[in-house]
C-alpha atoms as a PDB file:
ATOM      1  CA  UNK A   1      34.621  18.843 -17.579  1.00  0.00           C
ATOM      2  CA  UNK A   2      34.051  21.508 -20.131  1.00  0.00           C
ATOM      3  CA  UNK A   3      31.229  23.996 -20.055  1.00  0.00           C
ATOM      4  CA  UNK A   4      29.000  21.943 -22.407  1.00  0.00           C
ATOM      5  CA  UNK A   5      29.081  18.876 -20.282  1.00  0.00           C
ATOM      6  CA  UNK A   6      27.072  18.338 -17.162  1.00  0.00           C
ATOM      7  CA  UNK A   7      27.310  15.829 -14.343  1.00  0.00           C
ATOM      8  CA  UNK A   8      24.717  13.480 -15.746  1.00  0.00           C
ATOM      9  CA  UNK A   9      26.826  13.111 -18.943  1.00  0.00           C
ATOM     10  CA  UNK A  10      29.629  11.801 -16.847  1.00  0.00           C
ATOM     11  CA  UNK A  11      27.666   9.179 -15.011  1.00  0.00           C
ATOM     12  CA  UNK A  12      27.080   6.047 -17.008  1.00  0.00           C
ATOM     13  CA  UNK A  13      24.485   3.693 -15.592  1.00  0.00           C
ATOM     14  CA  UNK A  14      24.001   0.200 -17.032  1.00  0.00           C
ATOM     15  CA  UNK A  15      20.636  -1.398 -16.185  1.00  0.00           C
ATOM     16  CA  UNK A  16      20.070  -5.069 -15.685  1.00  0.00           C
ATOM     17  CA  UNK A  17      16.943  -6.509 -17.427  1.00  0.00           C
ATOM     18  CA  UNK A  18      15.470  -9.963 -18.165  1.00  0.00           C
ATOM     19  CA  UNK A  19      17.175  -9.721 -21.678  1.00  0.00           C
ATOM     20  CA  UNK A  20      20.714  -8.993 -20.528  1.00  0.00           C
ATOM     21  CA  UNK A  21      21.141 -10.774 -17.215  1.00  0.00           C
ATOM     22  CA  UNK A  22      20.528 -13.958 -15.196  1.00  0.00           C
ATOM     23  CA  UNK A  23      20.630 -14.160 -11.461  1.00  0.00           C
ATOM     24  CA  UNK A  24      21.372 -17.589  -9.842  1.00  0.00           C
ATOM     25  CA  UNK A  25      22.629 -19.115  -6.652  1.00  0.00           C
ATOM     26  CA  UNK A  26      26.183 -20.405  -6.231  1.00  0.00           C
ATOM     27  CA  UNK A  27      26.856 -23.884  -4.965  1.00  0.00           C
ATOM     28  CA  UNK A  28      27.084 -22.428  -1.529  1.00  0.00           C
ATOM     29  CA  UNK A  29      23.730 -20.587  -1.864  1.00  0.00           C
ATOM     30  CA  UNK A  30      25.036 -17.059  -2.469  1.00  0.00           C
ATOM     31  CA  UNK A  31      23.428 -14.712  -5.073  1.00  0.00           C
ATOM     32  CA  UNK A  32      25.395 -14.544  -8.362  1.00  0.00           C
ATOM     33  CA  UNK A  33      25.097 -12.815 -11.761  1.00  0.00           C
ATOM     34  CA  UNK A  34      25.710 -13.672 -15.275  1.00  0.00           C
ATOM     35  CA  UNK A  35      25.172 -10.855 -17.655  1.00  0.00           C
ATOM     36  CA  UNK A  36      25.965  -9.311 -21.119  1.00  0.00           C
ATOM     37  CA  UNK A  37      27.592  -6.009 -20.263  1.00  0.00           C
ATOM     38  CA  UNK A  38      30.643  -4.018 -21.384  1.00  0.00           C
ATOM     39  CA  UNK A  39      33.819  -5.644 -19.968  1.00  0.00           C
ATOM     40  CA  UNK A  40      34.164  -4.766 -16.367  1.00  0.00           C
ATOM     41  CA  UNK A  41      37.535  -3.184 -15.396  1.00  0.00           C
ATOM     42  CA  UNK A  42      39.114  -2.144 -12.233  1.00  0.00           C
ATOM     43  CA  UNK A  43      40.012   1.502 -11.407  1.00  0.00           C
ATOM     44  CA  UNK A  44      43.542   1.199 -12.930  1.00  0.00           C
ATOM     45  CA  UNK A  45      42.341  -0.093 -16.280  1.00  0.00           C
ATOM     46  CA  UNK A  46      40.468   1.839 -18.864  1.00  0.00           C
ATOM     47  CA  UNK A  47      38.029   0.161 -21.250  1.00  0.00           C
ATOM     48  CA  UNK A  48      37.293   2.170 -24.410  1.00  0.00           C
ATOM     49  CA  UNK A  49      35.497  -0.832 -25.958  1.00  0.00           C
ATOM     50  CA  UNK A  50      31.978  -0.623 -24.767  1.00  0.00           C
ATOM     51  CA  UNK A  51      30.920  -3.836 -26.677  1.00  0.00           C
ATOM     52  CA  UNK A  52      28.690  -5.983 -24.370  1.00  0.00           C
ATOM     53  CA  UNK A  53      30.133  -9.476 -23.680  1.00  0.00           C
ATOM     54  CA  UNK A  54      28.725 -12.303 -21.735  1.00  0.00           C
ATOM     55  CA  UNK A  55      30.405 -12.541 -18.327  1.00  0.00           C
ATOM     56  CA  UNK A  56      29.877 -14.560 -15.098  1.00  0.00           C
ATOM     57  CA  UNK A  57      30.446 -12.132 -12.253  1.00  0.00           C
ATOM     58  CA  UNK A  58      29.994 -14.773  -9.545  1.00  0.00           C
ATOM     59  CA  UNK A  59      28.734 -13.622  -6.164  1.00  0.00           C
ATOM     60  CA  UNK A  60      27.077 -10.223  -6.010  1.00  0.00           C
ATOM     61  CA  UNK A  61      25.684  -7.930  -3.377  1.00  0.00           C
ATOM     62  CA  UNK A  62      22.687  -5.629  -3.464  1.00  0.00           C
ATOM     63  CA  UNK A  63      22.179  -2.094  -2.146  1.00  0.00           C
ATOM     64  CA  UNK A  64      18.963  -0.163  -2.227  1.00  0.00           C
ATOM     65  CA  UNK A  65      19.597   3.488  -3.465  1.00  0.00           C
ATOM     66  CA  UNK A  66      16.327   4.697  -2.044  1.00  0.00           C
ATOM     67  CA  UNK A  67      15.423   2.155   0.717  1.00  0.00           C
ATOM     68  CA  UNK A  68      12.379   4.002   2.146  1.00  0.00           C
ATOM     69  CA  UNK A  69      10.852   5.710  -0.877  1.00  0.00           C
ATOM     70  CA  UNK A  70      11.265   2.971  -3.548  1.00  0.00           C
ATOM     71  CA  UNK A  71      12.407  -0.294  -2.004  1.00  0.00           C
ATOM     72  CA  UNK A  72      11.945  -2.354  -5.258  1.00  0.00           C
ATOM     73  CA  UNK A  73      13.507   0.180  -7.586  1.00  0.00           C
ATOM     74  CA  UNK A  74      17.055   1.449  -8.278  1.00  0.00           C
ATOM     75  CA  UNK A  75      18.974  -1.416  -6.703  1.00  0.00           C
ATOM     76  CA  UNK A  76      22.639  -1.374  -7.174  1.00  0.00           C
ATOM     77  CA  UNK A  77      24.444  -4.725  -7.910  1.00  0.00           C
ATOM     78  CA  UNK A  78      27.958  -4.753  -6.513  1.00  0.00           C
ATOM     79  CA  UNK A  79      31.061  -6.806  -6.200  1.00  0.00           C
ATOM     80  CA  UNK A  80      32.602  -7.716  -2.855  1.00  0.00           C
ATOM     81  CA  UNK A  81      34.591  -4.542  -2.781  1.00  0.00           C
ATOM     82  CA  UNK A  82      31.476  -2.294  -3.296  1.00  0.00           C
ATOM     83  CA  UNK A  83      32.103  -1.467  -6.947  1.00  0.00           C
ATOM     84  CA  UNK A  84      28.877  -1.274  -8.985  1.00  0.00           C
ATOM     85  CA  UNK A  85      28.505  -3.712 -11.974  1.00  0.00           C
ATOM     86  CA  UNK A  86      25.031  -2.373 -12.900  1.00  0.00           C
ATOM     87  CA  UNK A  87      21.664  -1.234 -11.522  1.00  0.00           C
ATOM     88  CA  UNK A  88      18.291  -2.882 -11.487  1.00  0.00           C
ATOM     89  CA  UNK A  89      15.763  -0.130 -12.407  1.00  0.00           C
ATOM     90  CA  UNK A  90      12.822  -2.154 -11.095  1.00  0.00           C
ATOM     91  CA  UNK A  91      12.423  -5.653  -9.742  1.00  0.00           C
ATOM     92  CA  UNK A  92       9.295  -5.962 -11.840  1.00  0.00           C
ATOM     93  CA  UNK A  93      11.513  -5.953 -14.984  1.00  0.00           C
ATOM     94  CA  UNK A  94      13.129  -9.256 -13.944  1.00  0.00           C
ATOM     95  CA  UNK A  95      11.825 -12.830 -14.105  1.00  0.00           C
ATOM     96  CA  UNK A  96      10.221 -14.230 -11.020  1.00  0.00           C
ATOM     97  CA  UNK A  97      13.231 -16.463 -10.105  1.00  0.00           C
ATOM     98  CA  UNK A  98      15.520 -13.452 -10.237  1.00  0.00           C
ATOM     99  CA  UNK A  99      13.143 -11.312  -8.149  1.00  0.00           C
ATOM    100  CA  UNK A 100      12.999 -14.050  -5.493  1.00  0.00           C
ATOM    101  CA  UNK A 101      16.805 -14.154  -5.167  1.00  0.00           C
ATOM    102  CA  UNK A 102      17.188 -10.316  -5.008  1.00  0.00           C
ATOM    103  CA  UNK A 103      14.240  -9.845  -2.612  1.00  0.00           C
ATOM    104  CA  UNK A 104      15.553 -12.583  -0.265  1.00  0.00           C
ATOM    105  CA  UNK A 105      18.957 -10.965  -0.080  1.00  0.00           C
ATOM    106  CA  UNK A 106      17.506  -7.433   0.364  1.00  0.00           C
ATOM    107  CA  UNK A 107      15.183  -8.599   3.104  1.00  0.00           C
ATOM    108  CA  UNK A 108      18.104 -10.226   4.839  1.00  0.00           C
ATOM    109  CA  UNK A 109      20.274  -7.097   4.587  1.00  0.00           C
ATOM    110  CA  UNK A 110      17.590  -4.625   5.387  1.00  0.00           C
ATOM    111  CA  UNK A 111      15.895  -6.753   8.153  1.00  0.00           C
ATOM    112  CA  UNK A 112      13.847  -4.201   9.994  1.00  0.00           C
ATOM    113  CA  UNK A 113      10.846  -5.272  12.201  1.00  0.00           C
ATOM    114  CA  UNK A 114       7.912  -2.920  12.172  1.00  0.00           C
ATOM    115  CA  UNK A 115       6.943  -1.712  15.705  1.00  0.00           C
ATOM    116  CA  UNK A 116       3.267  -2.042  16.190  1.00  0.00           C
ATOM    117  CA  UNK A 117       3.002  -1.177  19.894  1.00  0.00           C
ATOM    118  CA  UNK A 118       5.452   0.103  22.627  1.00  0.00           C
ATOM    119  CA  UNK A 119       4.661  -2.036  25.679  1.00  0.00           C
ATOM    120  CA  UNK A 120       7.404  -0.528  27.910  1.00  0.00           C
ATOM    121  CA  UNK A 121      10.013   2.248  27.567  1.00  0.00           C
ATOM    122  CA  UNK A 122      12.259   2.999  30.510  1.00  0.00           C
ATOM    123  CA  UNK A 123      15.388   5.103  31.008  1.00  0.00           C
ATOM    124  CA  UNK A 124      18.354   4.298  33.294  1.00  0.00           C
ATOM    125  CA  UNK A 125      21.882   5.622  33.338  1.00  0.00           C
ATOM    126  CA  UNK A 126      21.725   7.135  29.780  1.00  0.00           C
ATOM    127  CA  UNK A 127      20.160   3.993  28.201  1.00  0.00           C
ATOM    128  CA  UNK A 128      16.514   3.389  27.227  1.00  0.00           C
ATOM    129  CA  UNK A 129      15.166  -0.133  27.544  1.00  0.00           C
ATOM    130  CA  UNK A 130      12.300  -0.933  25.106  1.00  0.00           C
ATOM    131  CA  UNK A 131       9.746  -3.797  25.020  1.00  0.00           C
ATOM    132  CA  UNK A 132       7.668  -3.754  21.790  1.00  0.00           C
ATOM    133  CA  UNK A 133       5.297  -5.665  19.772  1.00  0.00           C
ATOM    134  CA  UNK A 134       6.379  -5.993  16.103  1.00  0.00           C
ATOM    135  CA  UNK A 135       5.272  -7.656  12.948  1.00  0.00           C
ATOM    136  CA  UNK A 136       7.847 -10.356  13.805  1.00  0.00           C
ATOM    137  CA  UNK A 137       6.631 -10.890  17.390  1.00  0.00           C
ATOM    138  CA  UNK A 138       7.582  -9.466  20.764  1.00  0.00           C
ATOM    139  CA  UNK A 139      11.003  -7.980  21.080  1.00  0.00           C
ATOM    140  CA  UNK A 140      13.156  -6.113  23.584  1.00  0.00           C
ATOM    141  CA  UNK A 141      16.134  -3.882  22.964  1.00  0.00           C
ATOM    142  CA  UNK A 142      18.181  -1.100  24.407  1.00  0.00           C
ATOM    143  CA  UNK A 143      19.458   2.177  23.037  1.00  0.00           C
ATOM    144  CA  UNK A 144      22.241   4.560  24.183  1.00  0.00           C
ATOM    145  CA  UNK A 145      21.590   8.240  23.416  1.00  0.00           C
ATOM    146  CA  UNK A 146      18.011   7.678  22.440  1.00  0.00           C
ATOM    147  CA  UNK A 147      17.445  11.088  20.843  1.00  0.00           C
ATOM    148  CA  UNK A 148      20.218  10.393  18.343  1.00  0.00           C
ATOM    149  CA  UNK A 149      19.186   6.906  17.428  1.00  0.00           C
ATOM    150  CA  UNK A 150      15.630   7.752  16.307  1.00  0.00           C
ATOM    151  CA  UNK A 151      15.617   9.082  12.818  1.00  0.00           C
ATOM    152  CA  UNK A 152      12.560  10.623  11.285  1.00  0.00           C
ATOM    153  CA  UNK A 153      12.748   9.715   7.631  1.00  0.00           C
ATOM    154  CA  UNK A 154       9.578  11.543   6.564  1.00  0.00           C
ATOM    155  CA  UNK A 155       5.789  11.085   6.532  1.00  0.00           C
ATOM    156  CA  UNK A 156       5.765  10.027  10.126  1.00  0.00           C
ATOM    157  CA  UNK A 157       8.076   7.136   9.590  1.00  0.00           C
ATOM    158  CA  UNK A 158      10.779   6.506  12.193  1.00  0.00           C
ATOM    159  CA  UNK A 159      13.870   4.273  12.052  1.00  0.00           C
ATOM    160  CA  UNK A 160      15.192   3.266  15.505  1.00  0.00           C
ATOM    161  CA  UNK A 161      18.760   1.834  15.945  1.00  0.00           C
ATOM    162  CA  UNK A 162      19.589  -0.221  19.006  1.00  0.00           C
ATOM    163  CA  UNK A 163      22.978  -0.625  20.728  1.00  0.00           C
ATOM    164  CA  UNK A 164      23.794  -3.727  18.591  1.00  0.00           C
ATOM    165  CA  UNK A 165      22.985  -1.884  15.279  1.00  0.00           C
ATOM    166  CA  UNK A 166      19.625  -3.546  14.661  1.00  0.00           C
ATOM    167  CA  UNK A 167      17.040  -1.410  13.096  1.00  0.00           C
ATOM    168  CA  UNK A 168      13.282  -1.103  13.770  1.00  0.00           C
ATOM    169  CA  UNK A 169      10.776   0.972  12.015  1.00  0.00           C
ATOM    170  CA  UNK A 170       7.538   2.744  12.884  1.00  0.00           C
ATOM    171  CA  UNK A 171       5.589   3.250   9.725  1.00  0.00           C
ATOM    172  CA  UNK A 172       3.533   6.145  11.079  1.00  0.00           C
ATOM    173  CA  UNK A 173       4.215   7.381  14.581  1.00  0.00           C
ATOM    174  CA  UNK A 174       0.808   9.198  14.645  1.00  0.00           C
ATOM    175  CA  UNK A 175      -0.910   5.916  13.945  1.00  0.00           C
ATOM    176  CA  UNK A 176       0.407   4.219  17.091  1.00  0.00           C
ATOM    177  CA  UNK A 177      -2.074   3.574  19.895  1.00  0.00           C
ATOM    178  CA  UNK A 178      -2.307   6.505  22.443  1.00  0.00           C
ATOM    179  CA  UNK A 179      -0.234   4.791  25.147  1.00  0.00           C
ATOM    180  CA  UNK A 180       2.562   3.905  22.785  1.00  0.00           C
ATOM    181  CA  UNK A 181       2.645   7.497  21.331  1.00  0.00           C
ATOM    182  CA  UNK A 182       2.851   8.866  24.896  1.00  0.00           C
ATOM    183  CA  UNK A 183       5.887   6.682  25.599  1.00  0.00           C
ATOM    184  CA  UNK A 184       7.775   7.814  22.454  1.00  0.00           C
ATOM    185  CA  UNK A 185       6.583  11.418  22.282  1.00  0.00           C
ATOM    186  CA  UNK A 186       9.428  12.776  24.485  1.00  0.00           C
ATOM    187  CA  UNK A 187      11.990  11.711  21.889  1.00  0.00           C
ATOM    188  CA  UNK A 188      10.334  13.254  18.835  1.00  0.00           C
END
């Protein structure tokens, strides 16, 4: 990189829109992409020709770049190896059918019930055992090393990870009822 270039000049981002892409479901129900983009190459190939061509990429995967701040914006569209084909700037820029496909997959990947009330929270032998009321119904889970598995992601929002890797969220810890707040206060 010479002194006249900056990092942003090196990063090329291609955005998918209603005009250059079509999301569909494969025969087996997986999300797939057909798009008009520069030819996709692997790491060993170099593609100097940036002329967009119509390509069927088949099955694709989605990753939110900013999952808490902007869940419907800046969504990376990846292949099975995690290489990015392109980015969705905003779901609102896609047709309704495409939005439904992408949202369904993101909701499945980022499944995260919202805790509304903590009914019970007990500690035993280094584990905490939780019984909670969520937007998806009553749930119970356990955590090891509770302090390390509660992440404060800002503005009072907490993400809780249980022993199985499941995630739960509390949108605003201060908005919990008094009894629930008292149960979790020790870990904040």
